[in-house]
Amino acid sequence: MSQLDIRRVSADDHAAWLPLWHAYLRFYNTELPEAVSQSTWQRLLDEREPTHAALAWQGDTAVGLVHFIYHRSNWSIENSCYLQDLLVTEQRRGTGVGRQLIEFVYATAKTDGCCKVHWLTHETNATAIQLYERIAERPGYIQFRKAL
C-alpha cells in the first residue's frame, strides 16, 4: 500500500471530494440539497471562511476527508476548532487513515493558534468511538439541538 499524503483541498480536488462527501452523508443517512454541497465546497476554498478541508490520498486516490471549522469561544482567548466531518473509505477503515486525518487537524489547528479541537459522533458509531477514546478526552456532555 502506498504512503498516505494528507493535504488541504484545492479547486482541482472537487471530483475527488464530492463522492467522499456523498458517502459521508449516506453513512449518516442524510441527504442535502445539491445547493448546500455546492455552497460547502465554495466555502472550503474561500480563505476568508473559517471552514477548512483536507483529503487523504494514497497515490491518485482520495481515501478520506476531514472538514474543520475555527470558531470563537467565551472560554478562551484563542479560537477553538470543531472537527465537523470525518470519513474514511470502507476499504481503508481500520488502517490508521482516520487517526492520521485527526492528527492533521490537531497539527493544523495548533499552527493556526487554536487551543482545542472538539467533535461529535453518533452514539452508534462504535468503531470510531474506539479510536476517539484513544486519541482524545471524552468529556461526557450530551448534545441538545433544535432545527430552526
C-alpha atoms as a PDB file:
ATOM      1  CA  MET A   1       0.000   0.000   0.000  1.00  0.00           C
ATOM      2  CA  SER A   2       1.369   3.419  -0.953  1.00  0.00           C
ATOM      3  CA  GLN A   3       2.145   6.107   1.604  1.00  0.00           C
ATOM      4  CA  LEU A   4      -0.660   8.339   2.813  1.00  0.00           C
ATOM      5  CA  ASP A   5      -0.496  12.025   1.869  1.00  0.00           C
ATOM      6  CA  ILE A   6      -2.862  14.424   3.628  1.00  0.00           C
ATOM      7  CA  ARG A   7      -3.281  17.883   2.197  1.00  0.00           C
ATOM      8  CA  ARG A   8      -5.789  20.713   2.183  1.00  0.00           C
ATOM      9  CA  VAL A   9      -8.220  20.725  -0.698  1.00  0.00           C
ATOM     10  CA  SER A  10      -7.711  22.845  -3.782  1.00  0.00           C
ATOM     11  CA  ALA A  11     -10.136  23.741  -6.574  1.00  0.00           C
ATOM     12  CA  ASP A  12      -8.770  20.792  -8.581  1.00  0.00           C
ATOM     13  CA  ASP A  13      -9.949  18.317  -5.921  1.00  0.00           C
ATOM     14  CA  HIS A  14     -13.709  18.679  -6.387  1.00  0.00           C
ATOM     15  CA  ALA A  15     -14.095  15.430  -8.361  1.00  0.00           C
ATOM     16  CA  ALA A  16     -12.309  13.529  -5.579  1.00  0.00           C
ATOM     17  CA  TRP A  17     -14.058  15.344  -2.717  1.00  0.00           C
ATOM     18  CA  LEU A  18     -17.670  15.069  -3.917  1.00  0.00           C
ATOM     19  CA  PRO A  19     -18.013  11.241  -3.835  1.00  0.00           C
ATOM     20  CA  LEU A  20     -16.457  11.164  -0.358  1.00  0.00           C
ATOM     21  CA  TRP A  21     -18.822  13.905   0.794  1.00  0.00           C
ATOM     22  CA  HIS A  22     -21.807  11.971  -0.561  1.00  0.00           C
ATOM     23  CA  ALA A  23     -20.531   8.778   1.117  1.00  0.00           C
ATOM     24  CA  TYR A  24     -20.257  10.666   4.415  1.00  0.00           C
ATOM     25  CA  LEU A  25     -23.849  11.875   4.115  1.00  0.00           C
ATOM     26  CA  ARG A  26     -25.031   8.328   3.274  1.00  0.00           C
ATOM     27  CA  PHE A  27     -23.154   6.960   6.312  1.00  0.00           C
ATOM     28  CA  TYR A  28     -25.307   9.230   8.483  1.00  0.00           C
ATOM     29  CA  ASN A  29     -28.477   8.515   6.443  1.00  0.00           C
ATOM     30  CA  THR A  30     -28.655  12.153   5.406  1.00  0.00           C
ATOM     31  CA  GLU A  31     -29.422  13.906   2.159  1.00  0.00           C
ATOM     32  CA  LEU A  32     -28.745  17.560   1.447  1.00  0.00           C
ATOM     33  CA  PRO A  33     -29.842  19.713  -1.477  1.00  0.00           C
ATOM     34  CA  GLU A  34     -27.119  19.989  -4.104  1.00  0.00           C
ATOM     35  CA  ALA A  35     -27.042  23.739  -3.459  1.00  0.00           C
ATOM     36  CA  VAL A  36     -25.776  23.018   0.087  1.00  0.00           C
ATOM     37  CA  SER A  37     -22.984  20.795  -1.224  1.00  0.00           C
ATOM     38  CA  GLN A  38     -22.020  23.440  -3.774  1.00  0.00           C
ATOM     39  CA  SER A  39     -22.007  26.141  -1.093  1.00  0.00           C
ATOM     40  CA  THR A  40     -19.956  23.924   1.224  1.00  0.00           C
ATOM     41  CA  TRP A  41     -17.358  23.357  -1.498  1.00  0.00           C
ATOM     42  CA  GLN A  42     -17.094  27.086  -2.215  1.00  0.00           C
ATOM     43  CA  ARG A  43     -16.694  27.872   1.485  1.00  0.00           C
ATOM     44  CA  LEU A  44     -13.961  25.251   1.820  1.00  0.00           C
ATOM     45  CA  LEU A  45     -11.992  27.022  -0.911  1.00  0.00           C
ATOM     46  CA  ASP A  46     -12.556  30.568   0.382  1.00  0.00           C
ATOM     47  CA  GLU A  47      -9.635  31.706   2.565  1.00  0.00           C
ATOM     48  CA  ARG A  48     -11.919  34.261   4.260  1.00  0.00           C
ATOM     49  CA  GLU A  49     -14.156  31.473   5.576  1.00  0.00           C
ATOM     50  CA  PRO A  50     -13.368  29.723   8.887  1.00  0.00           C
ATOM     51  CA  THR A  51     -14.146  26.301   7.411  1.00  0.00           C
ATOM     52  CA  HIS A  52     -11.411  24.047   6.035  1.00  0.00           C
ATOM     53  CA  ALA A  53     -10.990  20.635   4.422  1.00  0.00           C
ATOM     54  CA  ALA A  54      -8.286  18.110   3.721  1.00  0.00           C
ATOM     55  CA  LEU A  55      -8.195  14.877   1.775  1.00  0.00           C
ATOM     56  CA  ALA A  56      -6.134  11.795   2.499  1.00  0.00           C
ATOM     57  CA  TRP A  57      -4.541  10.449  -0.673  1.00  0.00           C
ATOM     58  CA  GLN A  58      -2.980   7.102  -1.439  1.00  0.00           C
ATOM     59  CA  GLY A  59      -1.402   7.588  -4.816  1.00  0.00           C
ATOM     60  CA  ASP A  60      -4.002   9.244  -7.034  1.00  0.00           C
ATOM     61  CA  THR A  61      -6.961   8.059  -4.943  1.00  0.00           C
ATOM     62  CA  ALA A  62      -8.637  10.087  -2.213  1.00  0.00           C
ATOM     63  CA  VAL A  63      -9.366   7.669   0.646  1.00  0.00           C
ATOM     64  CA  GLY A  64     -10.584  10.040   3.349  1.00  0.00           C
ATOM     65  CA  LEU A  65     -11.828  13.530   4.079  1.00  0.00           C
ATOM     66  CA  VAL A  66     -11.986  15.848   7.034  1.00  0.00           C
ATOM     67  CA  HIS A  67     -13.781  19.180   7.445  1.00  0.00           C
ATOM     68  CA  PHE A  68     -12.995  21.500  10.331  1.00  0.00           C
ATOM     69  CA  ILE A  69     -14.179  24.935  11.415  1.00  0.00           C
ATOM     70  CA  TYR A  70     -12.437  27.549  13.549  1.00  0.00           C
ATOM     71  CA  HIS A  71     -14.677  29.459  15.919  1.00  0.00           C
ATOM     72  CA  ARG A  72     -14.617  31.847  18.859  1.00  0.00           C
ATOM     73  CA  SER A  73     -15.266  30.690  22.399  1.00  0.00           C
ATOM     74  CA  ASN A  74     -16.206  32.600  25.517  1.00  0.00           C
ATOM     75  CA  TRP A  75     -13.944  30.233  27.471  1.00  0.00           C
ATOM     76  CA  SER A  76     -10.645  31.126  25.805  1.00  0.00           C
ATOM     77  CA  ILE A  77      -8.823  33.907  24.002  1.00  0.00           C
ATOM     78  CA  GLU A  78      -7.755  31.597  21.188  1.00  0.00           C
ATOM     79  CA  ASN A  79     -10.134  30.060  18.681  1.00  0.00           C
ATOM     80  CA  SER A  80     -11.371  26.503  19.031  1.00  0.00           C
ATOM     81  CA  CYS A  81     -11.518  24.018  16.181  1.00  0.00           C
ATOM     82  CA  TYR A  82     -14.637  21.970  15.531  1.00  0.00           C
ATOM     83  CA  LEU A  83     -13.889  18.819  13.554  1.00  0.00           C
ATOM     84  CA  GLN A  84     -17.244  18.569  11.797  1.00  0.00           C
ATOM     85  CA  ASP A  85     -16.940  15.748   9.261  1.00  0.00           C
ATOM     86  CA  LEU A  86     -14.598  12.767   9.024  1.00  0.00           C
ATOM     87  CA  LEU A  87     -14.814   9.879   6.592  1.00  0.00           C
ATOM     88  CA  VAL A  88     -12.502   7.091   5.536  1.00  0.00           C
ATOM     89  CA  THR A  89     -13.481   4.858   2.622  1.00  0.00           C
ATOM     90  CA  GLU A  90     -14.715   1.415   3.631  1.00  0.00           C
ATOM     91  CA  GLN A  91     -11.664  -0.240   2.061  1.00  0.00           C
ATOM     92  CA  ARG A  92      -9.266   1.832   4.214  1.00  0.00           C
ATOM     93  CA  ARG A  93     -11.092   1.784   7.561  1.00  0.00           C
ATOM     94  CA  GLY A  94      -9.017   0.318  10.349  1.00  0.00           C
ATOM     95  CA  THR A  95      -5.709   1.173   8.637  1.00  0.00           C
ATOM     96  CA  GLY A  96      -4.934   4.375  10.555  1.00  0.00           C
ATOM     97  CA  VAL A  97      -6.260   6.849   7.987  1.00  0.00           C
ATOM     98  CA  GLY A  98      -8.844   8.275  10.403  1.00  0.00           C
ATOM     99  CA  ARG A  99      -6.235   8.766  13.107  1.00  0.00           C
ATOM    100  CA  GLN A 100      -3.904  10.493  10.648  1.00  0.00           C
ATOM    101  CA  LEU A 101      -6.684  12.822   9.472  1.00  0.00           C
ATOM    102  CA  ILE A 102      -7.463  13.774  13.079  1.00  0.00           C
ATOM    103  CA  GLU A 103      -3.771  14.299  13.807  1.00  0.00           C
ATOM    104  CA  PHE A 104      -3.580  16.517  10.701  1.00  0.00           C
ATOM    105  CA  VAL A 105      -6.389  18.644  12.173  1.00  0.00           C
ATOM    106  CA  TYR A 106      -4.629  18.742  15.561  1.00  0.00           C
ATOM    107  CA  ALA A 107      -1.397  19.972  13.967  1.00  0.00           C
ATOM    108  CA  THR A 108      -3.102  22.451  11.619  1.00  0.00           C
ATOM    109  CA  ALA A 109      -5.295  23.917  14.352  1.00  0.00           C
ATOM    110  CA  LYS A 110      -2.321  24.257  16.692  1.00  0.00           C
ATOM    111  CA  THR A 111      -0.269  26.001  13.989  1.00  0.00           C
ATOM    112  CA  ASP A 112      -3.218  28.319  13.325  1.00  0.00           C
ATOM    113  CA  GLY A 113      -3.413  29.276  17.013  1.00  0.00           C
ATOM    114  CA  CYS A 114      -6.381  27.225  18.215  1.00  0.00           C
ATOM    115  CA  CYS A 115      -6.425  25.996  21.816  1.00  0.00           C
ATOM    116  CA  LYS A 116      -8.505  22.844  21.317  1.00  0.00           C
ATOM    117  CA  VAL A 117     -10.143  20.514  18.805  1.00  0.00           C
ATOM    118  CA  HIS A 118     -13.554  19.019  19.554  1.00  0.00           C
ATOM    119  CA  TRP A 119     -16.126  16.932  17.702  1.00  0.00           C
ATOM    120  CA  LEU A 120     -19.256  14.821  17.945  1.00  0.00           C
ATOM    121  CA  THR A 121     -20.159  11.388  16.700  1.00  0.00           C
ATOM    122  CA  HIS A 122     -23.323   9.368  16.822  1.00  0.00           C
ATOM    123  CA  GLU A 123     -23.619   7.062  19.819  1.00  0.00           C
ATOM    124  CA  THR A 124     -23.943   4.054  17.482  1.00  0.00           C
ATOM    125  CA  ASN A 125     -20.611   4.746  15.754  1.00  0.00           C
ATOM    126  CA  ALA A 126     -18.799   2.190  17.957  1.00  0.00           C
ATOM    127  CA  THR A 127     -15.765   1.668  15.728  1.00  0.00           C
ATOM    128  CA  ALA A 128     -14.989   5.376  15.575  1.00  0.00           C
ATOM    129  CA  ILE A 129     -15.600   5.794  19.295  1.00  0.00           C
ATOM    130  CA  GLN A 130     -12.895   3.195  19.996  1.00  0.00           C
ATOM    131  CA  LEU A 131     -10.402   5.341  18.084  1.00  0.00           C
ATOM    132  CA  TYR A 132     -11.617   8.607  19.581  1.00  0.00           C
ATOM    133  CA  GLU A 133     -11.254   7.322  23.139  1.00  0.00           C
ATOM    134  CA  ARG A 134      -7.574   6.546  22.422  1.00  0.00           C
ATOM    135  CA  ILE A 135      -6.679   9.951  20.970  1.00  0.00           C
ATOM    136  CA  ALA A 136      -8.954  12.414  22.791  1.00  0.00           C
ATOM    137  CA  GLU A 137     -10.810  13.058  26.031  1.00  0.00           C
ATOM    138  CA  ARG A 138     -14.483  12.062  26.280  1.00  0.00           C
ATOM    139  CA  PRO A 139     -15.960  14.841  28.454  1.00  0.00           C
ATOM    140  CA  GLY A 140     -19.430  13.316  28.885  1.00  0.00           C
ATOM    141  CA  TYR A 141     -21.524  16.166  27.514  1.00  0.00           C
ATOM    142  CA  ILE A 142     -24.806  15.416  25.763  1.00  0.00           C
ATOM    143  CA  GLN A 143     -25.807  17.426  22.712  1.00  0.00           C
ATOM    144  CA  PHE A 144     -29.206  19.093  22.514  1.00  0.00           C
ATOM    145  CA  ARG A 145     -30.451  20.874  19.387  1.00  0.00           C
ATOM    146  CA  LYS A 146     -33.496  22.271  17.667  1.00  0.00           C
ATOM    147  CA  ALA A 147     -33.741  22.937  13.956  1.00  0.00           C
ATOM    148  CA  LEU A 148     -34.923  26.452  13.150  1.00  0.00           C
END
